[in-house]
Amino acid sequence: MTVIADEHEAHGATFEERGGRRVVTDYGRPERTHRAVRNGAGVVEMGYGVVLVEGDDRHEFVDNAVTNHVPTEEGEGSYALLLDPQGRVETDMYLYEAGERLLLFTPPDRAEPLVEDWSEKTFIQDVELTDASSDFGVFGVHGPKSTEKVASVLHNASVPEEPLSFVRGATADVGITVMATDAPTGEEGYEVVCAAEDAAAVFDSLIARGLNAPPFGYRTWETLTLEAGTPLFDSELAGRLPNVVGLRNALDFDKGCYVGQEVVSKVENQGRPSRRLVGLRPESVPEPNAPVLDADGDAVGTVTRAADCPSLEGPAALALVDFDAAEGHAFTVGAGVGAEVDAERADLPFYEGSMRSARLPSYVVVD
């Protein structure tokens, strides 16, 4: 749950549950806040689960489990997946080597089961796992002026330049770690990590000191990431093959074996997955999990996420559709019982911000 509920309430926040954690929905007028982030910078408390992996064998242990390389140099990070034996995504995660320990940031409801599962597999390896989700506050700072924003409040360090790298510094007289993100909102972005007991002071510094940056909640997070074409865990990734959602930035095709690798490699070598993730511009916001129909009225896919997007001044949707059907541009989507609306294929990202999301779906087709 949020570690600073009182501070959010003082700013007029409403809340919701995500993955068993209480997070901010919005502070009122989310459309206006969305545009403020697109034009400058905004601050959101992230509802991550946090796992600490310690011990001399931590790199080898985690590397044997995940789909991407595991960082070994302090200040280095990567984005990776944990798959089941059928190659389907069990969780995504950001991994950082923090000196004597790896920090893993997961969806909120994946940290505890991850620790339980991996603890049964350590055997004689020197590995210690801890669910530390309640020990940290994590704040995202996103927008084309987020670098200026973070620089205006960060002391004793310079803003990190490379995506998924971090520096240690201070703000409001407390220690923080600042991580450069891989642009999930389609904008420059950073995540600021602090001890839970310092979170209120850090939040106040981020929104009230230096360059202006209003707070925003998960409703705005959803529209920002949708416009950026970023697949999210709950709506696009969970239970699906990474090849299908085009998540190539989370895959190291040259690394050794990990659970699910055989399936991922087989699909890769076939030249194309059965489906792919595309962007649609429907006439109105479709129902959740609405069917996608081609010009002949045949079902060719399913909407994964849709919303009215302020930067686009209208609806947008992500959908998983048959790979070849995605070449067409005329679709209809379900909009309620017995109702359908037209939807045009749209290139991703829907909105070109200051950066492109590293998760933007990408496919290599081999005929």
Protein backbone atom coordinates (compact mmCIF):
# COMPACT_ATOMS: atom_id res chain seq x y z
CA MET A 1 0.00 0.00 0.00
CA THR A 2 1.01 3.62 -0.28
CA VAL A 3 3.47 4.63 2.41
CA ILE A 4 2.20 8.24 2.56
CA ALA A 5 -1.60 8.01 2.49
CA ASP A 6 -2.07 11.13 4.65
CA GLU A 7 0.01 13.26 2.29
CA HIS A 8 -1.98 12.05 -0.72
CA GLU A 9 -5.27 12.75 1.05
CA ALA A 10 -4.10 16.28 1.83
CA HIS A 11 -3.85 16.83 -1.93
CA GLY A 12 -7.37 15.50 -2.54
CA ALA A 13 -6.48 11.97 -3.64
CA THR A 14 -8.89 9.12 -4.22
CA PHE A 15 -7.60 5.55 -3.96
CA GLU A 16 -7.99 2.08 -5.44
CA GLU A 17 -6.56 -1.39 -4.90
CA ARG A 18 -4.03 -2.78 -7.39
CA GLY A 19 -2.41 -6.10 -6.76
CA GLY A 20 -3.32 -5.92 -3.10
CA ARG A 21 -1.77 -2.47 -2.68
CA ARG A 22 -3.58 0.82 -2.13
CA VAL A 23 -2.56 3.35 -4.78
CA VAL A 24 -3.77 6.79 -5.83
CA THR A 25 -6.40 6.82 -8.56
CA ASP A 26 -6.27 10.58 -9.13
CA TYR A 27 -6.40 13.96 -7.42
CA GLY A 28 -9.34 15.20 -9.46
CA ARG A 29 -9.28 16.49 -13.04
CA PRO A 30 -7.01 13.67 -14.36
CA GLU A 31 -7.25 14.97 -17.94
CA ARG A 32 -5.76 18.30 -16.92
CA THR A 33 -3.03 16.52 -14.95
CA HIS A 34 -2.27 14.31 -17.95
CA ARG A 35 -1.65 17.38 -20.10
CA ALA A 36 0.48 18.93 -17.36
CA VAL A 37 2.75 15.87 -17.40
CA ARG A 38 2.97 15.95 -21.21
CA ASN A 39 3.93 19.63 -21.11
CA GLY A 40 6.26 19.55 -18.12
CA ALA A 41 6.66 16.97 -15.37
CA GLY A 42 4.54 15.14 -12.80
CA VAL A 43 5.05 12.85 -9.81
CA VAL A 44 3.36 9.50 -9.08
CA GLU A 45 3.90 7.09 -6.20
CA MET A 46 4.61 3.70 -7.78
CA GLY A 47 2.93 0.62 -6.30
CA TYR A 48 5.86 -1.74 -6.80
CA GLY A 49 6.67 -4.89 -4.95
CA VAL A 50 10.34 -4.85 -3.93
CA VAL A 51 12.51 -7.95 -3.54
CA LEU A 52 16.05 -7.93 -2.15
CA VAL A 53 18.40 -10.67 -3.35
CA GLU A 54 21.61 -10.91 -1.34
CA GLY A 55 24.52 -13.32 -1.14
CA ASP A 56 27.58 -14.17 -3.23
CA ASP A 57 25.57 -16.34 -5.64
CA ARG A 58 22.81 -13.80 -6.28
CA HIS A 59 23.79 -13.01 -9.87
CA GLU A 60 24.08 -16.63 -10.96
CA PHE A 61 20.84 -17.60 -9.20
CA VAL A 62 18.74 -14.84 -10.74
CA ASP A 63 20.42 -15.17 -14.14
CA ASN A 64 19.32 -18.81 -14.31
CA ALA A 65 15.70 -17.72 -13.84
CA VAL A 66 15.07 -14.59 -15.90
CA THR A 67 15.00 -13.77 -19.60
CA ASN A 68 17.55 -10.95 -19.73
CA HIS A 69 21.06 -10.32 -18.48
CA VAL A 70 21.42 -9.63 -14.76
CA PRO A 71 23.37 -6.46 -13.91
CA THR A 72 26.64 -7.05 -12.07
CA GLU A 73 28.08 -3.53 -11.88
CA GLU A 74 26.78 -1.21 -9.18
CA GLY A 75 24.50 1.41 -10.68
CA GLU A 76 23.47 -0.82 -13.60
CA GLY A 77 19.96 -2.11 -14.28
CA SER A 78 17.96 -4.21 -16.74
CA TYR A 79 14.37 -5.16 -17.58
CA ALA A 80 13.51 -8.87 -17.53
CA LEU A 81 10.72 -11.43 -17.32
CA LEU A 82 10.09 -14.58 -15.35
CA LEU A 83 8.33 -17.20 -17.49
CA ASP A 84 6.52 -20.44 -16.79
CA PRO A 85 7.55 -23.69 -18.58
CA GLN A 86 5.15 -22.82 -21.45
CA GLY A 87 6.99 -19.53 -22.00
CA ARG A 88 4.21 -17.35 -20.63
CA VAL A 89 4.95 -14.28 -18.50
CA GLU A 90 4.62 -14.83 -14.75
CA THR A 91 6.00 -11.42 -13.88
CA ASP A 92 8.05 -8.61 -15.31
CA MET A 93 10.68 -6.82 -13.24
CA TYR A 94 13.37 -4.18 -13.17
CA LEU A 95 16.66 -5.41 -11.68
CA TYR A 96 19.40 -3.20 -10.27
CA GLU A 97 22.77 -4.10 -8.78
CA ALA A 98 22.97 -1.94 -5.67
CA GLY A 99 26.27 -3.16 -4.18
CA GLU A 100 26.12 -6.43 -2.23
CA ARG A 101 22.48 -6.91 -3.26
CA LEU A 102 20.13 -6.93 -6.20
CA LEU A 103 16.98 -4.82 -6.04
CA LEU A 104 14.02 -6.23 -7.98
CA PHE A 105 10.97 -4.06 -8.67
CA THR A 106 7.91 -6.17 -9.56
CA PRO A 107 4.14 -5.74 -9.91
CA PRO A 108 2.76 -5.33 -6.38
CA ASP A 109 1.25 -8.79 -6.03
CA ARG A 110 4.26 -10.66 -7.45
CA ALA A 111 6.92 -9.92 -4.82
CA GLU A 112 5.67 -12.26 -2.08
CA PRO A 113 5.06 -15.31 -4.33
CA LEU A 114 8.40 -14.69 -6.05
CA VAL A 115 10.23 -14.81 -2.73
CA GLU A 116 8.34 -17.94 -1.67
CA ASP A 117 9.03 -19.74 -4.95
CA TRP A 118 12.69 -18.81 -5.22
CA SER A 119 13.39 -19.55 -1.55
CA GLU A 120 12.56 -23.20 -2.26
CA LYS A 121 15.18 -23.30 -5.03
CA THR A 122 18.27 -21.79 -3.39
CA PHE A 123 19.53 -25.20 -2.14
CA ILE A 124 23.20 -24.82 -1.18
CA GLN A 125 23.67 -21.49 -2.96
CA ASP A 126 24.55 -18.38 -0.98
CA VAL A 127 21.34 -16.50 -1.70
CA GLU A 128 19.00 -14.68 0.69
CA LEU A 129 15.62 -13.35 -0.45
CA THR A 130 13.48 -10.70 1.28
CA ASP A 131 10.14 -9.13 0.42
CA ALA A 132 10.97 -5.51 1.27
CA SER A 133 7.94 -3.89 -0.36
CA SER A 134 6.94 -1.98 2.77
CA ASP A 135 10.48 -0.72 3.42
CA PHE A 136 10.72 1.67 0.49
CA GLY A 137 8.93 4.59 -1.09
CA VAL A 138 9.21 4.79 -4.89
CA PHE A 139 8.16 7.87 -6.86
CA GLY A 140 8.06 8.24 -10.64
CA VAL A 141 8.90 11.62 -12.17
CA HIS A 142 7.82 11.78 -15.81
CA GLY A 143 7.51 14.40 -18.53
CA PRO A 144 9.69 16.30 -21.02
CA LYS A 145 10.99 18.50 -18.18
CA SER A 146 11.55 15.67 -15.68
CA THR A 147 15.34 15.94 -16.01
CA GLU A 148 15.15 19.61 -15.04
CA LYS A 149 12.73 18.72 -12.25
CA VAL A 150 14.94 16.05 -10.71
CA ALA A 151 18.08 18.16 -11.14
CA SER A 152 16.39 21.02 -9.28
CA VAL A 153 15.98 18.95 -6.10
CA LEU A 154 18.83 16.42 -6.31
CA HIS A 155 21.94 17.17 -4.23
CA ASN A 156 25.36 15.48 -4.09
CA ALA A 157 24.92 13.81 -7.48
CA SER A 158 24.13 14.47 -11.12
CA VAL A 159 21.01 13.12 -12.80
CA PRO A 160 21.75 9.68 -14.35
CA GLU A 161 21.95 9.76 -18.14
CA GLU A 162 21.68 6.16 -19.31
CA PRO A 163 18.30 4.37 -19.10
CA LEU A 164 18.18 1.87 -16.22
CA SER A 165 21.18 3.35 -14.45
CA PHE A 166 21.14 5.07 -11.07
CA VAL A 167 22.95 7.46 -8.77
CA ARG A 168 22.76 8.06 -5.04
CA GLY A 169 22.18 11.54 -3.71
CA ALA A 170 19.94 13.49 -1.38
CA THR A 171 16.90 15.75 -1.28
CA ALA A 172 15.20 17.38 1.70
CA ASP A 173 18.21 16.27 3.79
CA VAL A 174 17.47 12.56 3.27
CA GLY A 175 19.21 9.98 1.11
CA ILE A 176 17.64 8.94 -2.19
CA THR A 177 18.48 6.78 -5.19
CA VAL A 178 17.53 8.20 -8.60
CA MET A 179 17.05 5.75 -11.47
CA ALA A 180 16.66 6.74 -15.11
CA THR A 181 13.67 4.86 -16.55
CA ASP A 182 13.18 3.29 -19.99
CA ALA A 183 10.45 5.85 -20.78
CA PRO A 184 7.20 3.92 -20.17
CA THR A 185 5.16 7.13 -20.55
CA GLY A 186 6.92 8.08 -23.78
CA GLU A 187 8.73 10.87 -21.95
CA GLU A 188 11.95 11.37 -20.06
CA GLY A 189 11.49 9.72 -16.69
CA TYR A 190 13.09 8.86 -13.38
CA GLU A 191 12.22 6.84 -10.31
CA VAL A 192 13.23 8.14 -6.91
CA VAL A 193 13.67 5.52 -4.19
CA CYS A 194 13.92 6.26 -0.49
CA ALA A 195 13.35 4.63 2.89
CA ALA A 196 9.66 4.42 3.75
CA GLU A 197 10.11 6.68 6.78
CA ASP A 198 11.54 9.41 4.51
CA ALA A 199 8.86 9.11 1.81
CA ALA A 200 6.73 12.05 2.99
CA ALA A 201 9.68 14.43 2.91
CA VAL A 202 10.78 13.18 -0.51
CA PHE A 203 7.27 13.45 -1.96
CA ASP A 204 6.97 17.02 -0.69
CA SER A 205 10.35 17.90 -2.19
CA LEU A 206 9.42 16.43 -5.57
CA ILE A 207 6.13 18.29 -5.91
CA ALA A 208 6.86 21.53 -4.06
CA ARG A 209 10.52 22.41 -4.57
CA GLY A 210 12.42 23.44 -7.67
CA LEU A 211 10.59 23.09 -10.97
CA ASN A 212 6.82 22.65 -10.64
CA ALA A 213 5.59 19.02 -10.86
CA PRO A 214 1.99 18.19 -9.85
CA PRO A 215 1.16 14.78 -8.39
CA PHE A 216 -0.77 12.31 -10.53
CA GLY A 217 -2.34 8.90 -9.99
CA TYR A 218 -2.80 5.62 -11.78
CA ARG A 219 -5.66 6.83 -13.99
CA THR A 220 -3.22 9.24 -15.60
CA TRP A 221 -0.49 6.58 -15.57
CA GLU A 222 -2.80 4.38 -17.65
CA THR A 223 -3.49 7.05 -20.28
CA LEU A 224 0.15 8.16 -20.48
CA THR A 225 1.43 4.61 -20.99
CA LEU A 226 -1.38 3.78 -23.43
CA GLU A 227 -0.50 6.77 -25.60
CA ALA A 228 3.15 5.66 -25.46
CA GLY A 229 2.25 2.14 -26.64
CA THR A 230 3.71 0.58 -23.49
CA PRO A 231 2.33 -2.87 -22.62
CA LEU A 232 1.66 -3.23 -18.88
CA PHE A 233 1.78 -6.39 -16.78
CA ASP A 234 -1.87 -6.82 -15.78
CA SER A 235 -3.44 -5.88 -19.11
CA GLU A 236 -0.98 -7.02 -21.80
CA LEU A 237 1.82 -9.19 -20.37
CA ALA A 238 0.50 -11.59 -17.73
CA GLY A 239 0.07 -15.12 -19.06
CA ARG A 240 1.23 -14.28 -22.59
CA LEU A 241 4.32 -15.16 -24.62
CA PRO A 242 6.80 -12.25 -24.76
CA ASN A 243 7.09 -12.82 -28.54
CA VAL A 244 3.35 -12.11 -28.91
CA VAL A 245 3.50 -8.77 -27.11
CA GLY A 246 6.73 -7.81 -28.90
CA LEU A 247 8.72 -7.37 -25.70
CA ARG A 248 12.14 -7.86 -27.27
CA ASN A 249 13.85 -5.46 -24.85
CA ALA A 250 13.25 -7.99 -22.07
CA LEU A 251 14.86 -10.90 -23.95
CA ASP A 252 18.54 -11.78 -24.29
CA PHE A 253 18.60 -14.35 -27.08
CA ASP A 254 22.28 -15.13 -26.44
CA LYS A 255 22.13 -16.01 -22.74
CA GLY A 256 21.97 -19.48 -21.25
CA CYS A 257 18.95 -21.53 -20.32
CA TYR A 258 16.05 -20.18 -18.29
CA VAL A 259 12.56 -21.52 -17.72
CA GLY A 260 10.47 -21.03 -20.88
CA GLN A 261 13.44 -20.29 -23.13
CA GLU A 262 12.80 -23.27 -25.41
CA VAL A 263 9.30 -22.01 -26.24
CA VAL A 264 10.46 -18.41 -26.77
CA SER A 265 13.28 -19.57 -29.05
CA LYS A 266 10.96 -21.84 -31.02
CA VAL A 267 8.51 -19.03 -31.71
CA GLU A 268 11.41 -16.71 -32.61
CA ASN A 269 12.84 -19.24 -35.05
CA GLN A 270 9.44 -19.74 -36.69
CA GLY A 271 9.73 -16.18 -37.93
CA ARG A 272 6.56 -14.76 -36.41
CA PRO A 273 4.20 -15.35 -33.47
CA SER A 274 0.54 -16.21 -33.98
CA ARG A 275 -0.60 -12.77 -32.75
CA ARG A 276 0.82 -9.34 -32.16
CA LEU A 277 0.00 -6.21 -30.18
CA VAL A 278 -1.29 -3.30 -32.23
CA GLY A 279 -2.81 0.12 -31.76
CA LEU A 280 -6.41 0.94 -32.67
CA ARG A 281 -8.34 4.22 -32.83
CA PRO A 282 -11.98 3.24 -32.19
CA GLU A 283 -14.89 5.65 -32.52
CA SER A 284 -15.68 5.19 -28.82
CA VAL A 285 -14.02 3.42 -25.89
CA PRO A 286 -14.69 -0.33 -26.30
CA GLU A 287 -15.72 -2.72 -23.56
CA PRO A 288 -12.93 -4.50 -21.63
CA ASN A 289 -11.73 -7.57 -23.54
CA ALA A 290 -13.93 -6.58 -26.48
CA PRO A 291 -13.60 -8.74 -29.59
CA VAL A 292 -11.81 -7.31 -32.62
CA LEU A 293 -13.40 -8.16 -35.98
CA ASP A 294 -11.94 -7.82 -39.45
CA ALA A 295 -13.71 -6.37 -42.46
CA ASP A 296 -15.49 -9.72 -43.06
CA GLY A 297 -16.83 -9.80 -39.51
CA ASP A 298 -14.50 -12.60 -38.41
CA ALA A 299 -13.03 -12.46 -34.90
CA VAL A 300 -9.30 -11.80 -35.17
CA GLY A 301 -8.35 -10.57 -31.72
CA THR A 302 -9.18 -8.94 -28.40
CA VAL A 303 -8.81 -5.46 -26.93
CA THR A 304 -6.43 -5.48 -23.96
CA ARG A 305 -6.77 -1.86 -22.81
CA ALA A 306 -8.63 1.24 -23.95
CA ALA A 307 -9.31 4.76 -22.72
CA ASP A 308 -10.09 8.30 -23.74
CA CYS A 309 -6.63 9.80 -24.18
CA PRO A 310 -6.26 13.53 -23.52
CA SER A 311 -3.27 14.05 -25.83
CA LEU A 312 -5.17 12.39 -28.67
CA GLU A 313 -8.52 14.06 -27.89
CA GLY A 314 -10.28 10.75 -28.33
CA PRO A 315 -10.22 7.01 -27.66
CA ALA A 316 -7.28 4.68 -28.21
CA ALA A 317 -6.86 0.98 -27.59
CA LEU A 318 -4.24 -1.74 -27.57
CA ALA A 319 -5.33 -5.09 -28.98
CA LEU A 320 -3.88 -8.53 -29.59
CA VAL A 321 -4.82 -9.58 -33.11
CA ASP A 322 -3.87 -12.35 -35.52
CA PHE A 323 -0.45 -11.52 -36.92
CA ASP A 324 -1.47 -11.33 -40.58
CA ALA A 325 -4.75 -9.56 -39.81
CA ALA A 326 -2.74 -6.74 -38.29
CA GLU A 327 -1.66 -5.75 -41.78
CA GLY A 328 -5.20 -4.54 -42.47
CA HIS A 329 -6.51 -1.17 -41.39
CA ALA A 330 -10.27 -1.74 -41.09
CA PHE A 331 -11.59 -3.32 -37.91
CA THR A 332 -14.62 -3.15 -35.69
CA VAL A 333 -14.61 -3.68 -31.93
CA GLY A 334 -17.31 -4.64 -29.48
CA ALA A 335 -18.89 -1.74 -27.65
CA GLY A 336 -21.51 -3.53 -25.57
CA VAL A 337 -24.11 -6.23 -26.08
CA GLY A 338 -24.88 -6.43 -29.80
CA ALA A 339 -23.02 -3.19 -30.53
CA GLU A 340 -19.88 -2.59 -32.57
CA VAL A 341 -17.91 0.51 -33.53
CA ASP A 342 -15.38 1.11 -36.29
CA ALA A 343 -11.70 1.12 -35.34
CA GLU A 344 -8.77 2.10 -37.54
CA ARG A 345 -5.33 0.57 -37.17
CA ALA A 346 -2.84 3.11 -35.78
CA ASP A 347 0.94 3.03 -35.64
CA LEU A 348 2.50 2.89 -32.19
CA PRO A 349 3.22 5.00 -30.31
CA PHE A 350 -0.04 6.91 -30.53
CA TYR A 351 1.77 9.98 -29.19
CA GLU A 352 5.37 11.02 -29.85
CA GLY A 353 6.79 12.39 -26.62
CA SER A 354 10.31 13.37 -25.65
CA MET A 355 11.43 9.70 -25.73
CA ARG A 356 10.14 6.38 -27.03
CA SER A 357 9.18 3.63 -24.63
CA ALA A 358 11.68 0.76 -24.61
CA ARG A 359 8.69 -1.60 -24.33
CA LEU A 360 7.19 -0.43 -27.63
CA PRO A 361 6.18 -3.70 -29.35
CA SER A 362 8.79 -4.86 -31.86
CA TYR A 363 8.72 -7.87 -34.20
CA VAL A 364 11.29 -9.50 -36.46
CA VAL A 365 9.59 -11.33 -39.31
CA VAL A 366 11.49 -14.08 -41.11
CA ASP A 367 9.75 -15.56 -44.17
